[in-house]
């Protein structure tokens, strides 16, 4: 199969919508990451997503809709979900709510809930409108690898496996959506993202964060949200995350680098000067830039043939929680904590 990259102009939107209505799987931009899209209510089309990605069948998918009205055809929208949709849709928030019978089991991995989102990316919204479909769309990459934030990333991962990729330019956010359990009266963040717990609490009065946001799932523990599997977002290059006081962390990372054939360091721009003589990938000047750059930098480290990525831990509040969620899983929870002890490994 020849994979075409087409522009997100009117002709490209129509072509993509027609492919989806024909039961095909296509790459499509959203404001978070590129998605691998299919008709959410066509089980065979959804199964083709899992086949193209190499995705385990027990990992549920997010359904993208145009509006709250369309969401109500697929789920029992709770009062809490209703408030969150009004506050954050369209945008990078996914709500988990009780599913209706219209949703196939293959989408929800057999769960009695479904994850729904109304994206804000104009090209994705035009495809939703032109196709008239609800669209299932996990990230458009091979399962477990860093999510794609450009059409080129999708081509590299899935060329020959899908017929087309709609090129809408680089993704604005760069991290997958926040996923929040809205089945009860108190929202619970299952997967952190650009809509932070603090932002949700400002709307709902309070917000909890699932313990599994920064730890691996336990044996036999179900994944109620995409992105909760043990190893996820991971480059081929091993990644080690280091926590502690900045000076001690830098000393520790430099000692670890001395043990590697071709190490690289991933830090915020203000920390780059702490690593003279080393290959440094800058996450940018703030957490928003870090979110935008993270997955691309992980891919660059692979392309450069690095032997190990050493990354400084980030604050675990606000957007930092989402970044630490991705980094922890990308590292397969290889996280080292150091104190003021000279930074010895």
C-alpha atoms as a PDB file:
ATOM      1  CA  UNK A   1       0.000   0.000   0.000  1.00  0.00           C
ATOM      2  CA  UNK A   2       1.256   3.449  -0.923  1.00  0.00           C
ATOM      3  CA  UNK A   3       0.672   5.977   1.874  1.00  0.00           C
ATOM      4  CA  UNK A   4      -0.158   9.439   0.523  1.00  0.00           C
ATOM      5  CA  UNK A   5       0.380  12.675   2.428  1.00  0.00           C
ATOM      6  CA  UNK A   6      -2.330  15.176   1.484  1.00  0.00           C
ATOM      7  CA  UNK A   7      -2.816  18.769   2.525  1.00  0.00           C
ATOM      8  CA  UNK A   8      -5.619  19.700   4.916  1.00  0.00           C
ATOM      9  CA  UNK A   9      -7.364  21.866   2.315  1.00  0.00           C
ATOM     10  CA  UNK A  10     -10.958  21.398   1.172  1.00  0.00           C
ATOM     11  CA  UNK A  11     -10.033  18.618  -1.261  1.00  0.00           C
ATOM     12  CA  UNK A  12      -7.989  16.843   1.398  1.00  0.00           C
ATOM     13  CA  UNK A  13     -10.803  17.086   3.941  1.00  0.00           C
ATOM     14  CA  UNK A  14     -13.287  15.571   1.460  1.00  0.00           C
ATOM     15  CA  UNK A  15     -10.874  12.789   0.499  1.00  0.00           C
ATOM     16  CA  UNK A  16     -10.250  11.929   4.154  1.00  0.00           C
ATOM     17  CA  UNK A  17     -13.964  11.920   4.979  1.00  0.00           C
ATOM     18  CA  UNK A  18     -14.681   9.638   2.030  1.00  0.00           C
ATOM     19  CA  UNK A  19     -11.936   7.222   3.106  1.00  0.00           C
ATOM     20  CA  UNK A  20     -13.386   7.063   6.626  1.00  0.00           C
ATOM     21  CA  UNK A  21     -16.903   6.439   5.317  1.00  0.00           C
ATOM     22  CA  UNK A  22     -15.462   3.618   3.184  1.00  0.00           C
ATOM     23  CA  UNK A  23     -14.140   1.896   6.316  1.00  0.00           C
ATOM     24  CA  UNK A  24     -10.485   2.865   5.862  1.00  0.00           C
ATOM     25  CA  UNK A  25      -8.002   3.903   8.544  1.00  0.00           C
ATOM     26  CA  UNK A  26      -6.209   7.244   8.036  1.00  0.00           C
ATOM     27  CA  UNK A  27      -3.791   9.567   9.818  1.00  0.00           C
ATOM     28  CA  UNK A  28      -5.368  12.834  10.911  1.00  0.00           C
ATOM     29  CA  UNK A  29      -4.196  15.898  12.873  1.00  0.00           C
ATOM     30  CA  UNK A  30      -5.574  17.043  16.198  1.00  0.00           C
ATOM     31  CA  UNK A  31      -4.379  19.821  18.501  1.00  0.00           C
ATOM     32  CA  UNK A  32      -2.801  17.199  20.800  1.00  0.00           C
ATOM     33  CA  UNK A  33      -1.087  14.588  18.564  1.00  0.00           C
ATOM     34  CA  UNK A  34      -1.849  12.991  15.203  1.00  0.00           C
ATOM     35  CA  UNK A  35      -4.539  10.335  15.422  1.00  0.00           C
ATOM     36  CA  UNK A  36      -5.058   7.045  13.579  1.00  0.00           C
ATOM     37  CA  UNK A  37      -8.699   7.450  12.659  1.00  0.00           C
ATOM     38  CA  UNK A  38     -11.569   5.148  11.718  1.00  0.00           C
ATOM     39  CA  UNK A  39     -15.362   5.060  11.948  1.00  0.00           C
ATOM     40  CA  UNK A  40     -15.915   4.412  15.663  1.00  0.00           C
ATOM     41  CA  UNK A  41     -19.163   2.525  15.082  1.00  0.00           C
ATOM     42  CA  UNK A  42     -17.740   0.147  12.453  1.00  0.00           C
ATOM     43  CA  UNK A  43     -16.066  -2.737  14.351  1.00  0.00           C
ATOM     44  CA  UNK A  44     -14.037  -3.969  11.370  1.00  0.00           C
ATOM     45  CA  UNK A  45     -12.632  -0.480  10.766  1.00  0.00           C
ATOM     46  CA  UNK A  46     -11.726  -0.148  14.451  1.00  0.00           C
ATOM     47  CA  UNK A  47      -9.985  -3.535  14.401  1.00  0.00           C
ATOM     48  CA  UNK A  48      -7.890  -2.223  11.516  1.00  0.00           C
ATOM     49  CA  UNK A  49      -6.600   0.517  13.849  1.00  0.00           C
ATOM     50  CA  UNK A  50      -5.332  -2.100  16.281  1.00  0.00           C
ATOM     51  CA  UNK A  51      -3.722  -4.072  13.435  1.00  0.00           C
ATOM     52  CA  UNK A  52      -1.939  -1.049  11.939  1.00  0.00           C
ATOM     53  CA  UNK A  53      -0.624   0.117  15.326  1.00  0.00           C
ATOM     54  CA  UNK A  54       0.176  -3.314  16.730  1.00  0.00           C
ATOM     55  CA  UNK A  55      -1.946  -2.184  19.678  1.00  0.00           C
ATOM     56  CA  UNK A  56      -3.111  -4.615  22.387  1.00  0.00           C
ATOM     57  CA  UNK A  57      -6.869  -5.215  22.237  1.00  0.00           C
ATOM     58  CA  UNK A  58      -7.248  -4.478  25.972  1.00  0.00           C
ATOM     59  CA  UNK A  59      -6.257  -0.823  25.458  1.00  0.00           C
ATOM     60  CA  UNK A  60      -9.445   1.280  24.989  1.00  0.00           C
ATOM     61  CA  UNK A  61      -9.770   3.981  22.339  1.00  0.00           C
ATOM     62  CA  UNK A  62     -11.029   7.568  22.478  1.00  0.00           C
ATOM     63  CA  UNK A  63     -13.981   8.499  20.303  1.00  0.00           C
ATOM     64  CA  UNK A  64     -13.836  11.983  18.782  1.00  0.00           C
ATOM     65  CA  UNK A  65     -17.101  13.843  18.268  1.00  0.00           C
ATOM     66  CA  UNK A  66     -18.094  17.245  16.970  1.00  0.00           C
ATOM     67  CA  UNK A  67     -20.313  18.284  19.890  1.00  0.00           C
ATOM     68  CA  UNK A  68     -21.960  17.380  23.169  1.00  0.00           C
ATOM     69  CA  UNK A  69     -25.135  16.525  21.232  1.00  0.00           C
ATOM     70  CA  UNK A  70     -23.246  13.866  19.271  1.00  0.00           C
ATOM     71  CA  UNK A  71     -21.677  12.571  22.495  1.00  0.00           C
ATOM     72  CA  UNK A  72     -25.144  11.964  23.928  1.00  0.00           C
ATOM     73  CA  UNK A  73     -25.827   9.484  21.117  1.00  0.00           C
ATOM     74  CA  UNK A  74     -22.943   7.364  22.411  1.00  0.00           C
ATOM     75  CA  UNK A  75     -22.953   7.758  26.182  1.00  0.00           C
ATOM     76  CA  UNK A  76     -24.944   8.621  29.260  1.00  0.00           C
ATOM     77  CA  UNK A  77     -23.511  12.092  29.867  1.00  0.00           C
ATOM     78  CA  UNK A  78     -23.381  12.641  33.624  1.00  0.00           C
ATOM     79  CA  UNK A  79     -23.980  16.071  35.205  1.00  0.00           C
ATOM     80  CA  UNK A  80     -20.247  16.301  35.930  1.00  0.00           C
ATOM     81  CA  UNK A  81     -19.331  15.423  32.343  1.00  0.00           C
ATOM     82  CA  UNK A  82     -21.844  17.986  31.113  1.00  0.00           C
ATOM     83  CA  UNK A  83     -20.099  20.747  33.093  1.00  0.00           C
ATOM     84  CA  UNK A  84     -16.647  19.678  31.925  1.00  0.00           C
ATOM     85  CA  UNK A  85     -17.752  19.536  28.293  1.00  0.00           C
ATOM     86  CA  UNK A  86     -19.180  23.051  28.549  1.00  0.00           C
ATOM     87  CA  UNK A  87     -15.951  24.324  30.085  1.00  0.00           C
ATOM     88  CA  UNK A  88     -13.321  22.592  27.951  1.00  0.00           C
ATOM     89  CA  UNK A  89     -14.877  21.453  24.666  1.00  0.00           C
ATOM     90  CA  UNK A  90     -13.722  21.723  21.996  1.00  0.00           C
ATOM     91  CA  UNK A  91     -10.258  21.099  23.390  1.00  0.00           C
ATOM     92  CA  UNK A  92      -7.779  18.609  24.856  1.00  0.00           C
ATOM     93  CA  UNK A  93     -10.075  17.026  27.475  1.00  0.00           C
ATOM     94  CA  UNK A  94     -11.441  13.473  27.231  1.00  0.00           C
ATOM     95  CA  UNK A  95     -14.280  12.452  29.547  1.00  0.00           C
ATOM     96  CA  UNK A  96     -14.964   8.860  30.555  1.00  0.00           C
ATOM     97  CA  UNK A  97     -18.693   8.213  30.966  1.00  0.00           C
ATOM     98  CA  UNK A  98     -21.083   5.231  30.871  1.00  0.00           C
ATOM     99  CA  UNK A  99     -21.400   3.916  27.315  1.00  0.00           C
ATOM    100  CA  UNK A 100     -24.583   3.288  25.366  1.00  0.00           C
ATOM    101  CA  UNK A 101     -25.186   0.094  23.313  1.00  0.00           C
ATOM    102  CA  UNK A 102     -24.300   1.912  20.073  1.00  0.00           C
ATOM    103  CA  UNK A 103     -20.592   1.778  20.977  1.00  0.00           C
ATOM    104  CA  UNK A 104     -18.864  -1.479  19.896  1.00  0.00           C
ATOM    105  CA  UNK A 105     -16.996  -3.512  22.503  1.00  0.00           C
ATOM    106  CA  UNK A 106     -13.806  -3.310  20.430  1.00  0.00           C
ATOM    107  CA  UNK A 107     -13.631   0.457  21.067  1.00  0.00           C
ATOM    108  CA  UNK A 108     -13.940   0.213  24.849  1.00  0.00           C
ATOM    109  CA  UNK A 109     -11.906  -2.972  25.376  1.00  0.00           C
ATOM    110  CA  UNK A 110     -15.068  -4.450  26.888  1.00  0.00           C
ATOM    111  CA  UNK A 111     -15.428  -1.764  29.560  1.00  0.00           C
ATOM    112  CA  UNK A 112     -18.868  -0.365  30.419  1.00  0.00           C
ATOM    113  CA  UNK A 113     -17.519   3.159  29.941  1.00  0.00           C
ATOM    114  CA  UNK A 114     -16.415   5.091  26.870  1.00  0.00           C
ATOM    115  CA  UNK A 115     -13.887   7.914  26.453  1.00  0.00           C
ATOM    116  CA  UNK A 116     -15.156  10.898  24.441  1.00  0.00           C
ATOM    117  CA  UNK A 117     -13.500  14.088  23.205  1.00  0.00           C
ATOM    118  CA  UNK A 118     -14.420  17.033  20.980  1.00  0.00           C
ATOM    119  CA  UNK A 119     -11.143  18.172  19.372  1.00  0.00           C
ATOM    120  CA  UNK A 120     -10.448  21.807  18.531  1.00  0.00           C
ATOM    121  CA  UNK A 121      -8.119  21.335  15.538  1.00  0.00           C
ATOM    122  CA  UNK A 122      -9.914  22.906  12.558  1.00  0.00           C
ATOM    123  CA  UNK A 123      -8.974  20.121  10.115  1.00  0.00           C
ATOM    124  CA  UNK A 124     -10.218  17.400  12.471  1.00  0.00           C
ATOM    125  CA  UNK A 125     -13.441  19.282  13.067  1.00  0.00           C
ATOM    126  CA  UNK A 126     -13.972  19.669   9.328  1.00  0.00           C
ATOM    127  CA  UNK A 127     -13.444  15.928   8.825  1.00  0.00           C
ATOM    128  CA  UNK A 128     -15.952  15.174  11.591  1.00  0.00           C
ATOM    129  CA  UNK A 129     -18.447  17.493   9.935  1.00  0.00           C
ATOM    130  CA  UNK A 130     -17.829  16.257   6.379  1.00  0.00           C
ATOM    131  CA  UNK A 131     -17.961  12.571   7.302  1.00  0.00           C
ATOM    132  CA  UNK A 132     -20.857  12.768   9.751  1.00  0.00           C
ATOM    133  CA  UNK A 133     -19.087  10.093  11.800  1.00  0.00           C
ATOM    134  CA  UNK A 134     -17.903   9.614  15.339  1.00  0.00           C
ATOM    135  CA  UNK A 135     -14.202   8.864  14.912  1.00  0.00           C
ATOM    136  CA  UNK A 136     -12.078   6.524  17.003  1.00  0.00           C
ATOM    137  CA  UNK A 137      -8.493   7.774  16.945  1.00  0.00           C
ATOM    138  CA  UNK A 138      -5.574   6.724  19.142  1.00  0.00           C
ATOM    139  CA  UNK A 139      -2.181   8.231  18.359  1.00  0.00           C
ATOM    140  CA  UNK A 140      -0.977   7.482  14.825  1.00  0.00           C
ATOM    141  CA  UNK A 141       2.205   5.610  15.724  1.00  0.00           C
ATOM    142  CA  UNK A 142       3.309   2.058  16.282  1.00  0.00           C
ATOM    143  CA  UNK A 143       2.105   0.984  19.721  1.00  0.00           C
ATOM    144  CA  UNK A 144       4.386   2.009  22.577  1.00  0.00           C
ATOM    145  CA  UNK A 145       6.515   4.421  20.513  1.00  0.00           C
ATOM    146  CA  UNK A 146       6.498   8.230  21.055  1.00  0.00           C
ATOM    147  CA  UNK A 147       3.321   9.805  19.748  1.00  0.00           C
ATOM    148  CA  UNK A 148       3.483  11.656  16.399  1.00  0.00           C
ATOM    149  CA  UNK A 149       3.230  15.443  16.404  1.00  0.00           C
ATOM    150  CA  UNK A 150       3.831  15.953  12.662  1.00  0.00           C
ATOM    151  CA  UNK A 151       2.586  14.231   9.519  1.00  0.00           C
ATOM    152  CA  UNK A 152       6.175  13.164   8.830  1.00  0.00           C
ATOM    153  CA  UNK A 153       6.227  11.214  12.110  1.00  0.00           C
ATOM    154  CA  UNK A 154       3.117   9.333  10.981  1.00  0.00           C
ATOM    155  CA  UNK A 155       4.655   8.525   7.598  1.00  0.00           C
ATOM    156  CA  UNK A 156       7.800   7.171   9.260  1.00  0.00           C
ATOM    157  CA  UNK A 157       5.814   4.901  11.569  1.00  0.00           C
ATOM    158  CA  UNK A 158       2.951   3.740   9.368  1.00  0.00           C
ATOM    159  CA  UNK A 159       4.025   4.084   5.732  1.00  0.00           C
ATOM    160  CA  UNK A 160       2.556   1.215   3.746  1.00  0.00           C
ATOM    161  CA  UNK A 161       0.013   0.402   6.449  1.00  0.00           C
ATOM    162  CA  UNK A 162      -2.555   3.163   5.829  1.00  0.00           C
ATOM    163  CA  UNK A 163      -3.694   4.850   2.597  1.00  0.00           C
ATOM    164  CA  UNK A 164      -3.262   8.504   3.578  1.00  0.00           C
ATOM    165  CA  UNK A 165      -2.173  11.061   6.159  1.00  0.00           C
ATOM    166  CA  UNK A 166      -3.910  14.427   6.301  1.00  0.00           C
ATOM    167  CA  UNK A 167      -1.169  17.011   6.909  1.00  0.00           C
ATOM    168  CA  UNK A 168      -2.418  19.780   9.188  1.00  0.00           C
ATOM    169  CA  UNK A 169       1.029  20.967  10.297  1.00  0.00           C
ATOM    170  CA  UNK A 170       2.700  20.453  13.696  1.00  0.00           C
ATOM    171  CA  UNK A 171       0.354  19.777  16.615  1.00  0.00           C
ATOM    172  CA  UNK A 172      -0.160  22.751  18.900  1.00  0.00           C
ATOM    173  CA  UNK A 173      -0.165  20.974  22.283  1.00  0.00           C
ATOM    174  CA  UNK A 174       2.141  18.009  21.637  1.00  0.00           C
ATOM    175  CA  UNK A 175       0.805  15.731  24.404  1.00  0.00           C
ATOM    176  CA  UNK A 176      -2.273  13.535  24.318  1.00  0.00           C
ATOM    177  CA  UNK A 177      -5.470  14.839  25.905  1.00  0.00           C
ATOM    178  CA  UNK A 178      -6.240  14.821  29.601  1.00  0.00           C
ATOM    179  CA  UNK A 179      -8.497  11.856  30.396  1.00  0.00           C
ATOM    180  CA  UNK A 180     -10.859  12.326  33.324  1.00  0.00           C
ATOM    181  CA  UNK A 181     -13.283   9.854  34.865  1.00  0.00           C
ATOM    182  CA  UNK A 182     -16.582  11.744  35.007  1.00  0.00           C
ATOM    183  CA  UNK A 183     -18.816   8.827  36.001  1.00  0.00           C
ATOM    184  CA  UNK A 184     -19.223  10.076  39.578  1.00  0.00           C
ATOM    185  CA  UNK A 185     -19.566  13.419  41.321  1.00  0.00           C
ATOM    186  CA  UNK A 186     -15.831  14.134  41.678  1.00  0.00           C
ATOM    187  CA  UNK A 187     -13.582  14.175  38.588  1.00  0.00           C
ATOM    188  CA  UNK A 188     -10.579  11.833  38.648  1.00  0.00           C
ATOM    189  CA  UNK A 189      -7.714  12.434  36.231  1.00  0.00           C
ATOM    190  CA  UNK A 190      -6.657   9.091  34.731  1.00  0.00           C
ATOM    191  CA  UNK A 191      -4.161  10.513  32.243  1.00  0.00           C
ATOM    192  CA  UNK A 192      -2.844  14.065  32.770  1.00  0.00           C
ATOM    193  CA  UNK A 193      -2.617  16.484  29.861  1.00  0.00           C
ATOM    194  CA  UNK A 194      -2.871  20.151  28.941  1.00  0.00           C
ATOM    195  CA  UNK A 195      -6.130  20.556  30.885  1.00  0.00           C
ATOM    196  CA  UNK A 196      -4.622  20.342  34.354  1.00  0.00           C
ATOM    197  CA  UNK A 197      -6.187  19.097  37.604  1.00  0.00           C
ATOM    198  CA  UNK A 198      -6.109  22.689  38.836  1.00  0.00           C
ATOM    199  CA  UNK A 199      -8.140  23.837  35.823  1.00  0.00           C
ATOM    200  CA  UNK A 200     -10.655  21.033  36.316  1.00  0.00           C
ATOM    201  CA  UNK A 201     -10.983  21.800  40.028  1.00  0.00           C
ATOM    202  CA  UNK A 202     -11.773  25.430  39.169  1.00  0.00           C
ATOM    203  CA  UNK A 203     -14.840  24.169  37.284  1.00  0.00           C
ATOM    204  CA  UNK A 204     -15.862  21.162  39.372  1.00  0.00           C
ATOM    205  CA  UNK A 205     -14.898  22.384  42.851  1.00  0.00           C
ATOM    206  CA  UNK A 206     -12.339  19.623  43.336  1.00  0.00           C
ATOM    207  CA  UNK A 207     -10.314  17.141  41.307  1.00  0.00           C
ATOM    208  CA  UNK A 208      -8.499  13.938  42.204  1.00  0.00           C
ATOM    209  CA  UNK A 209      -5.602  12.341  40.342  1.00  0.00           C
ATOM    210  CA  UNK A 210      -5.485   8.558  39.961  1.00  0.00           C
ATOM    211  CA  UNK A 211      -2.553   6.936  41.735  1.00  0.00           C
ATOM    212  CA  UNK A 212      -1.625   5.185  38.482  1.00  0.00           C
ATOM    213  CA  UNK A 213      -0.836   8.527  36.792  1.00  0.00           C
ATOM    214  CA  UNK A 214       2.796   8.273  37.936  1.00  0.00           C
ATOM    215  CA  UNK A 215       3.186   4.546  38.544  1.00  0.00           C
ATOM    216  CA  UNK A 216       2.859   1.376  36.456  1.00  0.00           C
ATOM    217  CA  UNK A 217      -0.385  -0.561  36.463  1.00  0.00           C
ATOM    218  CA  UNK A 218      -0.357  -3.484  38.855  1.00  0.00           C
ATOM    219  CA  UNK A 219      -0.643  -7.100  37.689  1.00  0.00           C
ATOM    220  CA  UNK A 220      -4.216  -7.713  36.585  1.00  0.00           C
ATOM    221  CA  UNK A 221      -5.172  -4.042  36.918  1.00  0.00           C
ATOM    222  CA  UNK A 222      -7.431  -2.853  34.082  1.00  0.00           C
ATOM    223  CA  UNK A 223      -6.558   0.197  32.003  1.00  0.00           C
ATOM    224  CA  UNK A 224      -9.625   2.475  32.182  1.00  0.00           C
ATOM    225  CA  UNK A 225      -7.872   5.034  29.988  1.00  0.00           C
ATOM    226  CA  UNK A 226      -5.551   4.952  26.984  1.00  0.00           C
ATOM    227  CA  UNK A 227      -1.891   5.571  27.807  1.00  0.00           C
ATOM    228  CA  UNK A 228      -1.850   3.717  31.132  1.00  0.00           C
ATOM    229  CA  UNK A 229       0.097   0.650  30.064  1.00  0.00           C
ATOM    230  CA  UNK A 230       3.467   0.009  31.696  1.00  0.00           C
ATOM    231  CA  UNK A 231       5.741   0.933  28.776  1.00  0.00           C
ATOM    232  CA  UNK A 232       4.330   3.687  26.625  1.00  0.00           C
ATOM    233  CA  UNK A 233       5.524   6.704  24.629  1.00  0.00           C
ATOM    234  CA  UNK A 234       8.936   5.031  24.596  1.00  0.00           C
ATOM    235  CA  UNK A 235      11.830   5.622  22.186  1.00  0.00           C
ATOM    236  CA  UNK A 236      14.097   2.743  21.215  1.00  0.00           C
ATOM    237  CA  UNK A 237      16.861   4.490  23.159  1.00  0.00           C
ATOM    238  CA  UNK A 238      16.780   3.650  26.896  1.00  0.00           C
ATOM    239  CA  UNK A 239      15.693   6.602  29.029  1.00  0.00           C
ATOM    240  CA  UNK A 240      16.637   7.263  32.651  1.00  0.00           C
ATOM    241  CA  UNK A 241      14.852   9.965  34.665  1.00  0.00           C
ATOM    242  CA  UNK A 242      16.692  11.556  37.614  1.00  0.00           C
ATOM    243  CA  UNK A 243      15.023  13.345  40.545  1.00  0.00           C
ATOM    244  CA  UNK A 244      16.547  15.485  43.290  1.00  0.00           C
ATOM    245  CA  UNK A 245      18.245  18.847  43.950  1.00  0.00           C
ATOM    246  CA  UNK A 246      19.391  20.390  40.673  1.00  0.00           C
ATOM    247  CA  UNK A 247      23.135  20.453  41.371  1.00  0.00           C
ATOM    248  CA  UNK A 248      23.098  16.890  42.649  1.00  0.00           C
ATOM    249  CA  UNK A 249      21.003  15.725  39.708  1.00  0.00           C
ATOM    250  CA  UNK A 250      23.448  17.314  37.271  1.00  0.00           C
ATOM    251  CA  UNK A 251      26.436  15.648  38.957  1.00  0.00           C
ATOM    252  CA  UNK A 252      24.667  12.286  38.913  1.00  0.00           C
ATOM    253  CA  UNK A 253      23.660  12.579  35.255  1.00  0.00           C
ATOM    254  CA  UNK A 254      27.223  13.510  34.253  1.00  0.00           C
ATOM    255  CA  UNK A 255      28.545  10.413  36.033  1.00  0.00           C
ATOM    256  CA  UNK A 256      25.961   8.259  34.270  1.00  0.00           C
ATOM    257  CA  UNK A 257      26.932   9.840  30.945  1.00  0.00           C
ATOM    258  CA  UNK A 258      30.554   8.816  31.534  1.00  0.00           C
ATOM    259  CA  UNK A 259      29.396   5.180  31.509  1.00  0.00           C
ATOM    260  CA  UNK A 260      27.671   5.498  28.124  1.00  0.00           C
ATOM    261  CA  UNK A 261      29.055   5.268  24.580  1.00  0.00           C
ATOM    262  CA  UNK A 262      26.840   8.022  23.173  1.00  0.00           C
ATOM    263  CA  UNK A 263      24.674   9.653  25.844  1.00  0.00           C
ATOM    264  CA  UNK A 264      22.389  12.633  25.503  1.00  0.00           C
ATOM    265  CA  UNK A 265      20.739  14.868  28.087  1.00  0.00           C
ATOM    266  CA  UNK A 266      17.183  16.218  27.925  1.00  0.00           C
ATOM    267  CA  UNK A 267      16.466  19.289  30.065  1.00  0.00           C
ATOM    268  CA  UNK A 268      14.758  22.667  30.063  1.00  0.00           C
ATOM    269  CA  UNK A 269      16.750  25.407  28.331  1.00  0.00           C
ATOM    270  CA  UNK A 270      17.698  27.095  31.635  1.00  0.00           C
ATOM    271  CA  UNK A 271      19.447  23.868  32.694  1.00  0.00           C
ATOM    272  CA  UNK A 272      21.399  23.253  29.468  1.00  0.00           C
ATOM    273  CA  UNK A 273      24.495  25.137  30.681  1.00  0.00           C
ATOM    274  CA  UNK A 274      24.915  22.592  33.487  1.00  0.00           C
ATOM    275  CA  UNK A 275      26.005  19.996  30.903  1.00  0.00           C
ATOM    276  CA  UNK A 276      28.964  21.465  28.963  1.00  0.00           C
ATOM    277  CA  UNK A 277      30.492  19.157  26.371  1.00  0.00           C
ATOM    278  CA  UNK A 278      27.494  16.818  26.286  1.00  0.00           C
ATOM    279  CA  UNK A 279      24.826  16.384  23.620  1.00  0.00           C
ATOM    280  CA  UNK A 280      21.873  18.337  25.048  1.00  0.00           C
ATOM    281  CA  UNK A 281      18.311  18.336  23.749  1.00  0.00           C
ATOM    282  CA  UNK A 282      16.516  21.432  25.015  1.00  0.00           C
ATOM    283  CA  UNK A 283      12.862  21.054  25.984  1.00  0.00           C
ATOM    284  CA  UNK A 284      12.482  24.815  25.678  1.00  0.00           C
ATOM    285  CA  UNK A 285      12.073  27.701  28.062  1.00  0.00           C
ATOM    286  CA  UNK A 286       8.883  26.551  29.822  1.00  0.00           C
ATOM    287  CA  UNK A 287       6.623  23.546  30.338  1.00  0.00           C
ATOM    288  CA  UNK A 288       4.363  24.479  27.421  1.00  0.00           C
ATOM    289  CA  UNK A 289       7.323  24.357  25.046  1.00  0.00           C
ATOM    290  CA  UNK A 290       8.460  21.126  26.693  1.00  0.00           C
ATOM    291  CA  UNK A 291       5.089  19.517  25.984  1.00  0.00           C
ATOM    292  CA  UNK A 292       5.270  20.676  22.371  1.00  0.00           C
ATOM    293  CA  UNK A 293       8.812  19.327  21.878  1.00  0.00           C
ATOM    294  CA  UNK A 294       8.996  16.175  24.010  1.00  0.00           C
ATOM    295  CA  UNK A 295       7.944  13.454  21.571  1.00  0.00           C
ATOM    296  CA  UNK A 296       9.905  14.973  18.693  1.00  0.00           C
ATOM    297  CA  UNK A 297      13.066  15.073  20.829  1.00  0.00           C
ATOM    298  CA  UNK A 298      12.646  11.434  21.874  1.00  0.00           C
ATOM    299  CA  UNK A 299      12.470  10.522  18.204  1.00  0.00           C
ATOM    300  CA  UNK A 300      15.538  12.669  17.444  1.00  0.00           C
ATOM    301  CA  UNK A 301      17.552  10.829  20.083  1.00  0.00           C
ATOM    302  CA  UNK A 302      16.712   7.572  18.321  1.00  0.00           C
ATOM    303  CA  UNK A 303      17.679   8.981  14.932  1.00  0.00           C
ATOM    304  CA  UNK A 304      21.002  10.227  16.343  1.00  0.00           C
ATOM    305  CA  UNK A 305      21.840   6.725  17.615  1.00  0.00           C
ATOM    306  CA  UNK A 306      22.159   7.794  21.248  1.00  0.00           C
ATOM    307  CA  UNK A 307      22.969   4.990  23.679  1.00  0.00           C
ATOM    308  CA  UNK A 308      20.932   6.484  26.549  1.00  0.00           C
ATOM    309  CA  UNK A 309      18.780   9.538  27.278  1.00  0.00           C
ATOM    310  CA  UNK A 310      19.302  11.111  30.709  1.00  0.00           C
ATOM    311  CA  UNK A 311      16.507  13.492  31.675  1.00  0.00           C
ATOM    312  CA  UNK A 312      16.019  15.773  34.655  1.00  0.00           C
ATOM    313  CA  UNK A 313      12.691  15.340  36.431  1.00  0.00           C
ATOM    314  CA  UNK A 314      10.191  18.180  36.124  1.00  0.00           C
ATOM    315  CA  UNK A 315       7.739  19.641  38.677  1.00  0.00           C
ATOM    316  CA  UNK A 316       4.765  17.331  39.207  1.00  0.00           C
ATOM    317  CA  UNK A 317       2.065  20.002  39.267  1.00  0.00           C
ATOM    318  CA  UNK A 318       0.208  21.805  36.504  1.00  0.00           C
ATOM    319  CA  UNK A 319       1.412  20.786  33.060  1.00  0.00           C
ATOM    320  CA  UNK A 320       4.463  19.216  34.710  1.00  0.00           C
ATOM    321  CA  UNK A 321       2.263  16.339  35.889  1.00  0.00           C
ATOM    322  CA  UNK A 322       1.468  15.426  32.271  1.00  0.00           C
ATOM    323  CA  UNK A 323       5.111  15.685  31.249  1.00  0.00           C
ATOM    324  CA  UNK A 324       6.241  13.493  34.142  1.00  0.00           C
ATOM    325  CA  UNK A 325       3.523  10.969  33.275  1.00  0.00           C
ATOM    326  CA  UNK A 326       4.931  10.682  29.728  1.00  0.00           C
ATOM    327  CA  UNK A 327       8.576  10.689  30.800  1.00  0.00           C
ATOM    328  CA  UNK A 328       8.012   8.060  33.499  1.00  0.00           C
ATOM    329  CA  UNK A 329       6.334   5.689  31.073  1.00  0.00           C
ATOM    330  CA  UNK A 330       8.849   6.409  28.320  1.00  0.00           C
ATOM    331  CA  UNK A 331      11.554   5.441  30.838  1.00  0.00           C
ATOM    332  CA  UNK A 332       9.673   2.256  31.776  1.00  0.00           C
ATOM    333  CA  UNK A 333       9.837   3.742  35.294  1.00  0.00           C
ATOM    334  CA  UNK A 334      13.641   3.766  35.390  1.00  0.00           C
ATOM    335  CA  UNK A 335      13.634   6.692  37.822  1.00  0.00           C
ATOM    336  CA  UNK A 336      16.631   7.437  40.056  1.00  0.00           C
ATOM    337  CA  UNK A 337      16.357   9.709  43.091  1.00  0.00           C
ATOM    338  CA  UNK A 338      19.471  11.409  44.414  1.00  0.00           C
ATOM    339  CA  UNK A 339      20.079  13.514  47.497  1.00  0.00           C
ATOM    340  CA  UNK A 340      22.818  15.972  48.520  1.00  0.00           C
ATOM    341  CA  UNK A 341      25.428  13.205  48.581  1.00  0.00           C
ATOM    342  CA  UNK A 342      27.702  14.134  45.705  1.00  0.00           C
ATOM    343  CA  UNK A 343      25.498  12.501  43.114  1.00  0.00           C
ATOM    344  CA  UNK A 344      27.197   9.093  43.105  1.00  0.00           C
ATOM    345  CA  UNK A 345      25.376   6.486  40.991  1.00  0.00           C
END
